[in-house]
Structure formats: structure tokens, C-alpha cells
Amino acid sequence: MPKMKTNRGAAKRFARTASGRFKRNQSHRRHILTKKSTKRMRHLRSPALVHDADAPLVARMLPYS
């Protein structure tokens, strides 16, 4: 049986944590930044965890992570 391919788009967006969950970057940081408050931008900087309902989909896209 051939090896499974990693979804390269997902590999650039998600990383597995030591506990086995997936972390992701926050959205809304690319453009139209002037109207967003400094506090909002600061909170968007920190990574978040993928929701439990979406974790199996991400795990399927990243079989070797």
C-alpha cells in the first residue's frame, strides 16, 4: 500500500502540540487593520487550539505529524 500524502496547505497552517492536539493561528490579521483595536490585535497574535469537532479532519490531513 502506498504512503499517504500530507495536505501541504494544512501542514503550513496547523502544528501538533505535545499533548496531541492541534494549534492554529488566529484569522483577521491580514488587512483592514486600522479600525481594529490594539487589544484585539494583541489577542489575535496568540495561537489557538483547533476545536474538538474539527480535530479529526485536521488529523486526517496530517497523517504523519
Protein backbone atom coordinates (compact mmCIF):
# COMPACT_ATOMS: atom_id res chain seq x y z
CA MET A 1 0.00 0.00 0.00
CA PRO A 2 1.45 3.43 -0.90
CA LYS A 3 2.21 6.05 1.66
CA MET A 4 -0.47 8.62 2.42
CA LYS A 5 0.11 12.17 1.27
CA THR A 6 0.11 15.09 3.67
CA ASN A 7 -2.13 18.00 2.72
CA ARG A 8 0.53 20.67 2.26
CA GLY A 9 -1.89 23.55 2.84
CA ALA A 10 -2.86 22.08 6.20
CA ALA A 11 0.77 21.37 7.09
CA LYS A 12 1.52 25.09 6.78
CA ARG A 13 -1.45 26.07 8.97
CA PHE A 14 -1.53 23.52 11.78
CA ALA A 15 1.03 22.06 14.17
CA ARG A 16 0.59 19.24 16.65
CA THR A 17 1.16 20.06 20.32
CA ALA A 18 2.94 17.81 22.81
CA SER A 19 -0.42 16.62 24.14
CA GLY A 20 -1.55 15.60 20.65
CA ARG A 21 -3.94 18.46 19.90
CA PHE A 22 -3.52 20.90 17.00
CA LYS A 23 -2.71 24.58 17.30
CA ARG A 24 -3.58 27.17 14.71
CA ASN A 25 -3.08 30.87 14.08
CA GLN A 26 -5.88 33.37 14.51
CA SER A 27 -7.53 34.94 11.49
CA HIS A 28 -8.32 38.64 10.77
CA ARG A 29 -4.70 39.84 10.89
CA ARG A 30 -4.05 40.45 7.17
CA HIS A 31 -5.68 43.70 6.12
CA ILE A 32 -8.05 46.48 7.23
CA LEU A 33 -6.04 46.76 10.44
CA THR A 34 -6.58 50.45 11.22
CA LYS A 35 -10.08 50.01 12.60
CA LYS A 36 -9.09 47.11 14.85
CA SER A 37 -8.04 47.99 18.36
CA THR A 38 -4.59 47.32 19.75
CA LYS A 39 -6.07 44.98 22.35
CA ARG A 40 -7.87 43.00 19.67
CA MET A 41 -4.70 42.71 17.57
CA ARG A 42 -2.69 41.63 20.59
CA HIS A 43 -5.14 38.84 21.40
CA LEU A 44 -5.16 37.66 17.78
CA ARG A 45 -1.39 37.22 17.93
CA SER A 46 -1.50 34.21 20.25
CA PRO A 47 -2.19 30.78 18.73
CA ALA A 48 -5.42 28.95 19.45
CA LEU A 49 -6.34 25.27 19.51
CA VAL A 50 -8.40 23.61 16.81
CA HIS A 51 -11.91 22.82 18.06
CA ASP A 52 -12.54 19.23 19.12
CA ALA A 53 -15.12 18.75 16.36
CA ASP A 54 -12.58 19.74 13.68
CA ALA A 55 -9.58 17.86 15.11
CA PRO A 56 -10.30 14.53 13.31
CA LEU A 57 -10.42 16.34 9.96
CA VAL A 58 -7.07 18.01 10.61
CA ALA A 59 -5.56 14.71 11.80
CA ARG A 60 -6.66 13.07 8.56
CA MET A 61 -4.97 15.78 6.51
CA LEU A 62 -1.75 15.43 8.55
CA PRO A 63 -1.20 11.66 8.87
CA TYR A 64 2.48 11.83 9.89
CA SER A 65 2.51 14.82 12.22
